[in-house]
Structure formats: C-alpha cells, structure tokens
Amino acid sequence: MAEIVGIRFKQAGKVYYFDPTGIDLEVNDCIVVSTSRGLELGRVVISPKQVLAHEVTTPLKPILRKAEPEDVKRAHEFEAQEQEALAECGKLIEKLGLPMKLLSAEYNLNGSRLTFLFSAGERVDFRELVRELTNRFKIRVELRQVGPRDEAKLLGGFGRCGRPLCCINFLSEFAPVSIRMAKEQDLPLNPMKISGICGRLLCCLAYESEQYHAMKGKLPKEGQRVSTPMGEARVVGGNLFKEMVIVKLESGTNVELPLSDVSNINH
C-alpha cells in the first residue's frame, strides 16, 4: 500500500498527488512542496489516504512541511509584485512589437522563478523578451503560451447562464466536447449560441450528454413507423424527459403518447 495526499495550487486547478511523508494533514491545510518550478504553496483538497501501490504510476514527490505564517505572508507579498511584473512585461512586449496577449505573472514561493502566461494566435519567438525580462528581474524567467480555454480560466468571467464560468469554479480539467453532443440535445448548431467566451464549445454540453444519449436510445427515431392503440402512425417528435412520443396518425392528426403505448412495426 502507498499513502497519497491531493494538492491544488489554484482554485479549481488540477489536483496533484504527493507523498504526505507522515505529516498529519487535513483538507484546507496549506503546505509547501518542491515542484519543477521550485518551492510552491499548495492547499490540501484530498486528505491522506491509502491506495494500492500499483495505482501510483510515478514516484511521488514529498510534502516538505506544513506552511508557516511566514510562507503565507511571503506568497501574498509576491502576489503584489506580480502586478508590477505584468506591467513591466507589457511594456517590453509593446516595445518589441510581439503579437501576444499577456495574461498573468506568477512567482514561486522563494522568488527564484517568475513565470508569465500569455495567449497568441500563432507561435511567438519570445527569446529576446526572455533576455530582457531576465536582465530586468535578475531571476529565472519562463514564458508559457496557453490555449483559449486556459485563457478564459485565468481571466474569469460569466457564462451565458449568468453564472461565473465553470472553469474558474469547479472544473479542474477540460473534458472533450464535440458538436455531436449539441446535436443529441437538439440545440441550435449556431456557433454563437453553443460556444463559450473562450470561443470553444460550451463545457456544459458534456454534463448531460450521457443522459441524453441514453434517453434518446429509448425513443423511436423521427420518421419511423410504429404501432399505437389508435393504429399505425409515423413518429414526428418526442419529449425525452417525459418519455412521450409524438406521432402522426393515418388521419393526419398529431398525438402525444407514452412510450409504453408505442411499439415498432416489424416488416
């Protein structure tokens, strides 16, 4: 058996697993860990638990310690400095004429690395920008390009439903979304109506996709000939949630019937 603990570094961010190293940890505890970006402050979202050793696919990095008040204070101080770093980087981007949109700046916990996140319509040669930023801040600087969905997650906003974007509230990872999901839910295939502020298909299309797929499998397809208590008819529609089928009788009348009253005609 192996013991793991789940850590997040941002709200609604991806959960990463670490070795608790015997430290007594509870949900919402702040901890310090060493990552590829150096020391970082994280928060426990899954308390330590036992899992089978073969379920741990890669060696787990250890939790170094619980965060001290000084660690939290330092993280807040760096947050203030990140705004200054953003402003300075923005000036250099304008000076160099680079076609990129600056999104955020992030220091690691000991201030040894500064990471800038940006979006762009194409690949950008930012080597000169990195050199200038390194000379300006005298620490290691990294620039990372992100996609439209990650941009929306960083900037935040409100969806068509009027609520804060799912990606900043609870979506820790982006699930694949396809136009087939919109078709199954009988939604208009107008990109303006089924796309989020990121310009990609709405993440919420995936929430009920499986349910719609299962319910549609129960109802006969439109145009299908069926038998009803009123005689043979042709399916012209249906109500998935009520499990009702709308049929057109031989007389030309449309009638809504329970699914249990409709059966396929075998030819």
C-alpha atoms as a PDB file:
ATOM      1  CA  MET A   1       0.000   0.000   0.000  1.00  0.00           C
ATOM      2  CA  ALA A   2       1.046   3.608  -0.579  1.00  0.00           C
ATOM      3  CA  GLU A   3      -0.193   6.800   1.061  1.00  0.00           C
ATOM      4  CA  ILE A   4      -1.062   9.836  -1.059  1.00  0.00           C
ATOM      5  CA  VAL A   5      -2.455  13.323  -0.497  1.00  0.00           C
ATOM      6  CA  GLY A   6      -4.188  15.525  -3.107  1.00  0.00           C
ATOM      7  CA  ILE A   7      -2.953  19.110  -3.523  1.00  0.00           C
ATOM      8  CA  ARG A   8      -4.200  22.090  -5.532  1.00  0.00           C
ATOM      9  CA  PHE A   9      -2.150  25.182  -6.275  1.00  0.00           C
ATOM     10  CA  LYS A  10      -5.074  27.248  -7.610  1.00  0.00           C
ATOM     11  CA  GLN A  11      -8.812  27.370  -7.129  1.00  0.00           C
ATOM     12  CA  ALA A  12     -10.397  24.774  -9.439  1.00  0.00           C
ATOM     13  CA  GLY A  13      -6.906  23.829 -10.553  1.00  0.00           C
ATOM     14  CA  LYS A  14      -5.767  20.306 -11.328  1.00  0.00           C
ATOM     15  CA  VAL A  15      -5.251  18.013  -8.337  1.00  0.00           C
ATOM     16  CA  TYR A  16      -1.688  16.736  -7.959  1.00  0.00           C
ATOM     17  CA  TYR A  17      -0.728  13.840  -5.720  1.00  0.00           C
ATOM     18  CA  PHE A  18       2.177  13.889  -3.273  1.00  0.00           C
ATOM     19  CA  ASP A  19       3.642  11.703  -0.569  1.00  0.00           C
ATOM     20  CA  PRO A  20       2.446  13.092   2.805  1.00  0.00           C
ATOM     21  CA  THR A  21       5.667  11.744   4.425  1.00  0.00           C
ATOM     22  CA  GLY A  22       3.868  11.025   7.669  1.00  0.00           C
ATOM     23  CA  ILE A  23       2.815  14.660   8.241  1.00  0.00           C
ATOM     24  CA  ASP A  24      -0.603  14.960   9.871  1.00  0.00           C
ATOM     25  CA  LEU A  25      -2.619  16.752   7.167  1.00  0.00           C
ATOM     26  CA  GLU A  26      -6.277  17.718   6.811  1.00  0.00           C
ATOM     27  CA  VAL A  27      -8.315  19.270   3.992  1.00  0.00           C
ATOM     28  CA  ASN A  28      -7.602  23.022   3.606  1.00  0.00           C
ATOM     29  CA  ASP A  29      -4.178  22.800   5.260  1.00  0.00           C
ATOM     30  CA  CYS A  30      -1.555  24.911   3.459  1.00  0.00           C
ATOM     31  CA  ILE A  31       1.634  23.046   2.628  1.00  0.00           C
ATOM     32  CA  VAL A  32       4.993  23.649   0.959  1.00  0.00           C
ATOM     33  CA  VAL A  33       6.240  21.335  -1.787  1.00  0.00           C
ATOM     34  CA  SER A  34       9.078  21.280  -4.278  1.00  0.00           C
ATOM     35  CA  THR A  35       7.941  21.186  -7.932  1.00  0.00           C
ATOM     36  CA  SER A  36       9.581  21.668 -11.318  1.00  0.00           C
ATOM     37  CA  ARG A  37       9.104  25.413 -10.712  1.00  0.00           C
ATOM     38  CA  GLY A  38      10.794  25.370  -7.313  1.00  0.00           C
ATOM     39  CA  LEU A  39       9.101  25.768  -3.935  1.00  0.00           C
ATOM     40  CA  GLU A  40       5.351  26.328  -4.136  1.00  0.00           C
ATOM     41  CA  LEU A  41       2.488  26.856  -1.719  1.00  0.00           C
ATOM     42  CA  GLY A  42      -0.443  24.480  -2.114  1.00  0.00           C
ATOM     43  CA  ARG A  43      -3.631  23.512  -0.334  1.00  0.00           C
ATOM     44  CA  VAL A  44      -4.785  20.045   0.686  1.00  0.00           C
ATOM     45  CA  VAL A  45      -8.012  19.062  -1.094  1.00  0.00           C
ATOM     46  CA  ILE A  46      -7.832  15.284  -0.549  1.00  0.00           C
ATOM     47  CA  SER A  47      -6.666  14.179   2.890  1.00  0.00           C
ATOM     48  CA  PRO A  48      -4.030  11.439   3.101  1.00  0.00           C
ATOM     49  CA  LYS A  49      -5.358   8.009   2.158  1.00  0.00           C
ATOM     50  CA  GLN A  50      -4.071   4.537   1.378  1.00  0.00           C
ATOM     51  CA  VAL A  51      -4.067   3.273  -2.213  1.00  0.00           C
ATOM     52  CA  LEU A  52      -2.681   0.138  -3.817  1.00  0.00           C
ATOM     53  CA  ALA A  53       0.979   0.538  -4.676  1.00  0.00           C
ATOM     54  CA  HIS A  54       0.419  -0.323  -8.374  1.00  0.00           C
ATOM     55  CA  GLU A  55      -2.069   2.570  -8.673  1.00  0.00           C
ATOM     56  CA  VAL A  56       0.783   5.029  -8.157  1.00  0.00           C
ATOM     57  CA  THR A  57       2.212   5.230 -11.671  1.00  0.00           C
ATOM     58  CA  THR A  58       5.091   7.632 -10.981  1.00  0.00           C
ATOM     59  CA  PRO A  59       7.256   8.277  -7.919  1.00  0.00           C
ATOM     60  CA  LEU A  60       5.513  10.800  -5.674  1.00  0.00           C
ATOM     61  CA  LYS A  61       7.293  13.936  -4.579  1.00  0.00           C
ATOM     62  CA  PRO A  62       7.192  14.521  -0.820  1.00  0.00           C
ATOM     63  CA  ILE A  63       5.336  17.179   1.121  1.00  0.00           C
ATOM     64  CA  LEU A  64       8.152  19.239   2.664  1.00  0.00           C
ATOM     65  CA  ARG A  65       6.210  20.745   5.546  1.00  0.00           C
ATOM     66  CA  LYS A  66       3.057  22.483   6.619  1.00  0.00           C
ATOM     67  CA  ALA A  67       3.126  26.141   5.599  1.00  0.00           C
ATOM     68  CA  GLU A  68       4.211  28.600   8.269  1.00  0.00           C
ATOM     69  CA  PRO A  69       2.634  32.076   8.642  1.00  0.00           C
ATOM     70  CA  GLU A  70       5.826  33.465   7.069  1.00  0.00           C
ATOM     71  CA  ASP A  71       5.245  31.308   3.948  1.00  0.00           C
ATOM     72  CA  VAL A  72       1.715  32.630   3.518  1.00  0.00           C
ATOM     73  CA  LYS A  73       2.882  36.210   4.104  1.00  0.00           C
ATOM     74  CA  ARG A  74       5.639  35.794   1.509  1.00  0.00           C
ATOM     75  CA  ALA A  75       3.161  34.398  -1.034  1.00  0.00           C
ATOM     76  CA  HIS A  76       0.902  37.439  -0.560  1.00  0.00           C
ATOM     77  CA  GLU A  77       3.862  39.774  -0.975  1.00  0.00           C
ATOM     78  CA  PHE A  78       4.769  38.110  -4.251  1.00  0.00           C
ATOM     79  CA  GLU A  79       1.156  38.462  -5.446  1.00  0.00           C
ATOM     80  CA  ALA A  80       1.537  42.238  -5.142  1.00  0.00           C
ATOM     81  CA  GLN A  81       4.847  42.122  -7.023  1.00  0.00           C
ATOM     82  CA  GLU A  82       3.231  40.062  -9.795  1.00  0.00           C
ATOM     83  CA  GLN A  83       1.150  43.076 -10.830  1.00  0.00           C
ATOM     84  CA  GLU A  84       4.306  45.144 -11.182  1.00  0.00           C
ATOM     85  CA  ALA A  85       5.910  42.357 -13.200  1.00  0.00           C
ATOM     86  CA  LEU A  86       2.892  42.239 -15.505  1.00  0.00           C
ATOM     87  CA  ALA A  87       3.126  45.969 -16.166  1.00  0.00           C
ATOM     88  CA  GLU A  88       6.856  45.763 -16.893  1.00  0.00           C
ATOM     89  CA  CYS A  89       6.427  42.770 -19.210  1.00  0.00           C
ATOM     90  CA  GLY A  90       3.591  44.537 -21.020  1.00  0.00           C
ATOM     91  CA  LYS A  91       5.857  47.494 -21.779  1.00  0.00           C
ATOM     92  CA  LEU A  92       8.543  45.202 -23.194  1.00  0.00           C
ATOM     93  CA  ILE A  93       6.013  43.324 -25.347  1.00  0.00           C
ATOM     94  CA  GLU A  94       4.879  46.635 -26.812  1.00  0.00           C
ATOM     95  CA  LYS A  95       8.474  47.758 -27.323  1.00  0.00           C
ATOM     96  CA  LEU A  96       9.377  44.545 -29.179  1.00  0.00           C
ATOM     97  CA  GLY A  97       6.122  44.522 -31.168  1.00  0.00           C
ATOM     98  CA  LEU A  98       5.257  40.947 -30.225  1.00  0.00           C
ATOM     99  CA  PRO A  99       1.767  39.652 -31.222  1.00  0.00           C
ATOM    100  CA  MET A 100       0.880  38.218 -27.813  1.00  0.00           C
ATOM    101  CA  LYS A 101      -1.668  38.838 -25.062  1.00  0.00           C
ATOM    102  CA  LEU A 102      -0.209  38.810 -21.574  1.00  0.00           C
ATOM    103  CA  LEU A 103      -2.443  37.024 -19.055  1.00  0.00           C
ATOM    104  CA  SER A 104      -0.698  36.545 -15.723  1.00  0.00           C
ATOM    105  CA  ALA A 105       2.590  36.524 -13.852  1.00  0.00           C
ATOM    106  CA  GLU A 106       3.435  34.001 -11.124  1.00  0.00           C
ATOM    107  CA  TYR A 107       6.358  33.889  -8.709  1.00  0.00           C
ATOM    108  CA  ASN A 108       7.283  30.669  -6.973  1.00  0.00           C
ATOM    109  CA  LEU A 109       7.436  30.702  -3.176  1.00  0.00           C
ATOM    110  CA  ASN A 110      11.097  31.642  -2.776  1.00  0.00           C
ATOM    111  CA  GLY A 111      11.073  34.177  -5.610  1.00  0.00           C
ATOM    112  CA  SER A 112      13.680  32.305  -7.656  1.00  0.00           C
ATOM    113  CA  ARG A 113      11.463  31.934 -10.740  1.00  0.00           C
ATOM    114  CA  LEU A 114       8.942  34.173 -12.484  1.00  0.00           C
ATOM    115  CA  THR A 115       6.515  32.638 -14.990  1.00  0.00           C
ATOM    116  CA  PHE A 116       4.467  34.684 -17.465  1.00  0.00           C
ATOM    117  CA  LEU A 117       1.427  33.135 -19.150  1.00  0.00           C
ATOM    118  CA  PHE A 118       0.230  34.510 -22.479  1.00  0.00           C
ATOM    119  CA  SER A 119      -2.025  33.699 -25.420  1.00  0.00           C
ATOM    120  CA  ALA A 120      -1.396  34.261 -29.104  1.00  0.00           C
ATOM    121  CA  GLY A 121      -2.921  33.351 -32.430  1.00  0.00           C
ATOM    122  CA  GLU A 122       0.318  31.722 -33.551  1.00  0.00           C
ATOM    123  CA  ARG A 123       3.716  30.711 -32.249  1.00  0.00           C
ATOM    124  CA  VAL A 124       5.749  33.647 -30.989  1.00  0.00           C
ATOM    125  CA  ASP A 125       9.528  33.991 -30.895  1.00  0.00           C
ATOM    126  CA  PHE A 126       9.935  35.480 -27.431  1.00  0.00           C
ATOM    127  CA  ARG A 127      13.640  34.776 -26.872  1.00  0.00           C
ATOM    128  CA  GLU A 128      14.551  38.470 -26.881  1.00  0.00           C
ATOM    129  CA  LEU A 129      11.715  39.171 -24.442  1.00  0.00           C
ATOM    130  CA  VAL A 130      13.023  36.490 -22.046  1.00  0.00           C
ATOM    131  CA  ARG A 131      16.509  38.017 -22.190  1.00  0.00           C
ATOM    132  CA  GLU A 132      15.189  41.491 -21.389  1.00  0.00           C
ATOM    133  CA  LEU A 133      12.990  40.198 -18.577  1.00  0.00           C
ATOM    134  CA  THR A 134      15.872  38.210 -17.083  1.00  0.00           C
ATOM    135  CA  ASN A 135      18.078  41.308 -17.102  1.00  0.00           C
ATOM    136  CA  ARG A 136      15.272  43.329 -15.541  1.00  0.00           C
ATOM    137  CA  PHE A 137      14.293  40.936 -12.704  1.00  0.00           C
ATOM    138  CA  LYS A 138      17.646  39.136 -12.204  1.00  0.00           C
ATOM    139  CA  ILE A 139      15.940  35.743 -11.715  1.00  0.00           C
ATOM    140  CA  ARG A 140      14.943  32.850 -13.948  1.00  0.00           C
ATOM    141  CA  VAL A 141      12.066  33.858 -16.254  1.00  0.00           C
ATOM    142  CA  GLU A 142       9.788  31.476 -18.134  1.00  0.00           C
ATOM    143  CA  LEU A 143       7.118  32.306 -20.723  1.00  0.00           C
ATOM    144  CA  ARG A 144       4.354  29.829 -21.395  1.00  0.00           C
ATOM    145  CA  GLN A 145       1.700  30.029 -24.116  1.00  0.00           C
ATOM    146  CA  VAL A 146      -1.795  28.750 -23.215  1.00  0.00           C
ATOM    147  CA  GLY A 147      -4.885  27.947 -25.283  1.00  0.00           C
ATOM    148  CA  PRO A 148      -8.278  29.728 -25.396  1.00  0.00           C
ATOM    149  CA  ARG A 149      -9.854  27.631 -22.630  1.00  0.00           C
ATOM    150  CA  ASP A 150      -6.950  28.179 -20.264  1.00  0.00           C
ATOM    151  CA  GLU A 151      -7.095  31.895 -21.086  1.00  0.00           C
ATOM    152  CA  ALA A 152     -10.746  32.035 -20.017  1.00  0.00           C
ATOM    153  CA  LYS A 153      -9.890  30.121 -16.835  1.00  0.00           C
ATOM    154  CA  LEU A 154      -7.177  32.654 -15.991  1.00  0.00           C
ATOM    155  CA  LEU A 155      -9.205  35.778 -16.771  1.00  0.00           C
ATOM    156  CA  GLY A 156     -12.594  34.598 -15.482  1.00  0.00           C
ATOM    157  CA  GLY A 157     -15.993  35.996 -16.449  1.00  0.00           C
ATOM    158  CA  PHE A 158     -19.616  34.948 -16.715  1.00  0.00           C
ATOM    159  CA  GLY A 159     -21.254  32.379 -18.967  1.00  0.00           C
ATOM    160  CA  ARG A 160     -24.480  32.547 -20.962  1.00  0.00           C
ATOM    161  CA  CYS A 161     -26.277  31.219 -17.887  1.00  0.00           C
ATOM    162  CA  GLY A 162     -25.304  34.353 -15.948  1.00  0.00           C
ATOM    163  CA  ARG A 163     -23.129  32.410 -13.516  1.00  0.00           C
ATOM    164  CA  PRO A 164     -19.330  32.553 -13.111  1.00  0.00           C
ATOM    165  CA  LEU A 165     -17.514  30.338 -15.594  1.00  0.00           C
ATOM    166  CA  CYS A 166     -17.428  26.658 -14.628  1.00  0.00           C
ATOM    167  CA  CYS A 167     -13.691  26.538 -15.323  1.00  0.00           C
ATOM    168  CA  ILE A 168     -12.912  29.007 -12.537  1.00  0.00           C
ATOM    169  CA  ASN A 169     -15.414  27.489 -10.093  1.00  0.00           C
ATOM    170  CA  PHE A 170     -15.026  23.726 -10.170  1.00  0.00           C
ATOM    171  CA  LEU A 171     -13.707  22.337 -13.470  1.00  0.00           C
ATOM    172  CA  SER A 172     -10.195  21.170 -12.670  1.00  0.00           C
ATOM    173  CA  GLU A 173      -9.648  19.637 -16.108  1.00  0.00           C
ATOM    174  CA  PHE A 174     -11.232  20.241 -19.516  1.00  0.00           C
ATOM    175  CA  ALA A 175     -13.215  17.296 -20.872  1.00  0.00           C
ATOM    176  CA  PRO A 176     -13.518  16.755 -24.652  1.00  0.00           C
ATOM    177  CA  VAL A 177     -16.638  18.428 -26.089  1.00  0.00           C
ATOM    178  CA  SER A 178     -17.981  17.671 -29.570  1.00  0.00           C
ATOM    179  CA  ILE A 179     -20.656  19.039 -31.874  1.00  0.00           C
ATOM    180  CA  ARG A 180     -22.359  15.634 -31.614  1.00  0.00           C
ATOM    181  CA  MET A 181     -23.291  16.484 -28.029  1.00  0.00           C
ATOM    182  CA  ALA A 182     -25.155  19.588 -29.201  1.00  0.00           C
ATOM    183  CA  LYS A 183     -26.963  17.569 -31.878  1.00  0.00           C
ATOM    184  CA  GLU A 184     -28.089  14.945 -29.371  1.00  0.00           C
ATOM    185  CA  GLN A 185     -29.513  17.677 -27.138  1.00  0.00           C
ATOM    186  CA  ASP A 186     -31.375  19.238 -30.108  1.00  0.00           C
ATOM    187  CA  LEU A 187     -29.562  22.531 -29.641  1.00  0.00           C
ATOM    188  CA  PRO A 188     -29.165  25.049 -32.470  1.00  0.00           C
ATOM    189  CA  LEU A 189     -25.895  24.386 -34.274  1.00  0.00           C
ATOM    190  CA  ASN A 190     -25.143  28.100 -34.412  1.00  0.00           C
ATOM    191  CA  PRO A 191     -21.576  28.539 -33.081  1.00  0.00           C
ATOM    192  CA  MET A 192     -22.568  31.840 -31.474  1.00  0.00           C
ATOM    193  CA  LYS A 193     -25.153  30.047 -29.311  1.00  0.00           C
ATOM    194  CA  ILE A 194     -23.215  26.957 -28.250  1.00  0.00           C
ATOM    195  CA  SER A 195     -19.771  28.482 -27.701  1.00  0.00           C
ATOM    196  CA  GLY A 196     -18.347  29.990 -24.533  1.00  0.00           C
ATOM    197  CA  ILE A 197     -16.420  33.234 -24.146  1.00  0.00           C
ATOM    198  CA  CYS A 198     -13.283  31.239 -24.996  1.00  0.00           C
ATOM    199  CA  GLY A 199     -14.687  30.655 -28.486  1.00  0.00           C
ATOM    200  CA  ARG A 200     -14.805  26.885 -27.955  1.00  0.00           C
ATOM    201  CA  LEU A 201     -17.860  24.677 -27.496  1.00  0.00           C
ATOM    202  CA  LEU A 202     -19.517  25.130 -24.089  1.00  0.00           C
ATOM    203  CA  CYS A 203     -18.095  22.787 -21.450  1.00  0.00           C
ATOM    204  CA  CYS A 204     -21.614  22.256 -20.078  1.00  0.00           C
ATOM    205  CA  LEU A 205     -22.592  20.402 -23.262  1.00  0.00           C
ATOM    206  CA  ALA A 206     -20.816  17.408 -21.749  1.00  0.00           C
ATOM    207  CA  TYR A 207     -22.648  17.476 -18.424  1.00  0.00           C
ATOM    208  CA  GLU A 208     -25.860  15.803 -19.613  1.00  0.00           C
ATOM    209  CA  SER A 209     -24.562  14.245 -22.805  1.00  0.00           C
ATOM    210  CA  GLU A 210     -24.574  10.699 -21.443  1.00  0.00           C
ATOM    211  CA  GLN A 211     -28.113  11.106 -20.088  1.00  0.00           C
ATOM    212  CA  TYR A 212     -29.418  12.455 -23.409  1.00  0.00           C
ATOM    213  CA  HIS A 213     -27.710   9.614 -25.261  1.00  0.00           C
ATOM    214  CA  ALA A 214     -29.363   7.025 -23.001  1.00  0.00           C
ATOM    215  CA  MET A 215     -32.815   8.629 -23.212  1.00  0.00           C
ATOM    216  CA  LYS A 216     -32.678   9.027 -26.976  1.00  0.00           C
ATOM    217  CA  GLY A 217     -31.865   5.341 -27.246  1.00  0.00           C
ATOM    218  CA  LYS A 218     -35.264   4.551 -25.716  1.00  0.00           C
ATOM    219  CA  LEU A 219     -37.376   6.680 -28.086  1.00  0.00           C
ATOM    220  CA  PRO A 220     -38.113   5.676 -31.685  1.00  0.00           C
ATOM    221  CA  LYS A 221     -36.485   7.842 -34.331  1.00  0.00           C
ATOM    222  CA  GLU A 222     -38.362  10.512 -36.259  1.00  0.00           C
ATOM    223  CA  GLY A 223     -39.937   9.126 -39.431  1.00  0.00           C
ATOM    224  CA  GLN A 224     -40.146   5.606 -38.019  1.00  0.00           C
ATOM    225  CA  ARG A 225     -43.416   3.678 -38.480  1.00  0.00           C
ATOM    226  CA  VAL A 226     -44.884   2.479 -35.182  1.00  0.00           C
ATOM    227  CA  SER A 227     -47.954   0.752 -33.817  1.00  0.00           C
ATOM    228  CA  THR A 228     -50.187   2.601 -31.315  1.00  0.00           C
ATOM    229  CA  PRO A 229     -53.580   1.944 -29.648  1.00  0.00           C
ATOM    230  CA  MET A 230     -55.020   4.236 -32.364  1.00  0.00           C
ATOM    231  CA  GLY A 231     -53.448   2.332 -35.243  1.00  0.00           C
ATOM    232  CA  GLU A 232     -50.281   2.689 -37.243  1.00  0.00           C
ATOM    233  CA  ALA A 233     -48.542   6.037 -37.175  1.00  0.00           C
ATOM    234  CA  ARG A 234     -45.320   7.825 -38.016  1.00  0.00           C
ATOM    235  CA  VAL A 235     -43.053   9.361 -35.362  1.00  0.00           C
ATOM    236  CA  VAL A 236     -42.713  13.135 -35.741  1.00  0.00           C
ATOM    237  CA  GLY A 237     -41.154  14.085 -32.403  1.00  0.00           C
ATOM    238  CA  GLY A 238     -40.844  13.299 -28.730  1.00  0.00           C
ATOM    239  CA  ASN A 239     -40.230  14.518 -25.193  1.00  0.00           C
ATOM    240  CA  LEU A 240     -37.161  12.873 -23.724  1.00  0.00           C
ATOM    241  CA  PHE A 241     -37.820  13.877 -20.126  1.00  0.00           C
ATOM    242  CA  LYS A 242     -41.457  12.789 -20.055  1.00  0.00           C
ATOM    243  CA  GLU A 243     -40.717   9.725 -22.222  1.00  0.00           C
ATOM    244  CA  MET A 244     -43.549  10.740 -24.546  1.00  0.00           C
ATOM    245  CA  VAL A 245     -43.662  10.165 -28.309  1.00  0.00           C
ATOM    246  CA  ILE A 246     -45.414  12.460 -30.776  1.00  0.00           C
ATOM    247  CA  VAL A 247     -46.879  10.511 -33.692  1.00  0.00           C
ATOM    248  CA  LYS A 248     -48.857  11.385 -36.794  1.00  0.00           C
ATOM    249  CA  LEU A 249     -51.830   9.085 -37.308  1.00  0.00           C
ATOM    250  CA  GLU A 250     -53.155   7.922 -40.683  1.00  0.00           C
ATOM    251  CA  SER A 251     -55.851  10.595 -40.308  1.00  0.00           C
ATOM    252  CA  GLY A 252     -53.175  13.289 -40.230  1.00  0.00           C
ATOM    253  CA  THR A 253     -53.668  14.110 -36.546  1.00  0.00           C
ATOM    254  CA  ASN A 254     -50.655  14.518 -34.270  1.00  0.00           C
ATOM    255  CA  VAL A 255     -50.947  12.773 -30.905  1.00  0.00           C
ATOM    256  CA  GLU A 256     -48.596  12.609 -27.919  1.00  0.00           C
ATOM    257  CA  LEU A 257     -48.454   9.147 -26.388  1.00  0.00           C
ATOM    258  CA  PRO A 258     -46.473   7.483 -23.569  1.00  0.00           C
ATOM    259  CA  LEU A 259     -43.513   5.479 -24.808  1.00  0.00           C
ATOM    260  CA  SER A 260     -45.140   2.349 -23.362  1.00  0.00           C
ATOM    261  CA  ASP A 261     -48.061   2.735 -25.838  1.00  0.00           C
ATOM    262  CA  VAL A 262     -45.779   2.798 -28.866  1.00  0.00           C
ATOM    263  CA  SER A 263     -44.096  -0.207 -30.423  1.00  0.00           C
ATOM    264  CA  ASN A 264     -42.038  -0.814 -33.536  1.00  0.00           C
ATOM    265  CA  ILE A 265     -43.622  -2.389 -36.572  1.00  0.00           C
ATOM    266  CA  ASN A 266     -41.739  -5.416 -37.821  1.00  0.00           C
ATOM    267  CA  HIS A 267     -41.875  -5.728 -41.607  1.00  0.00           C
END
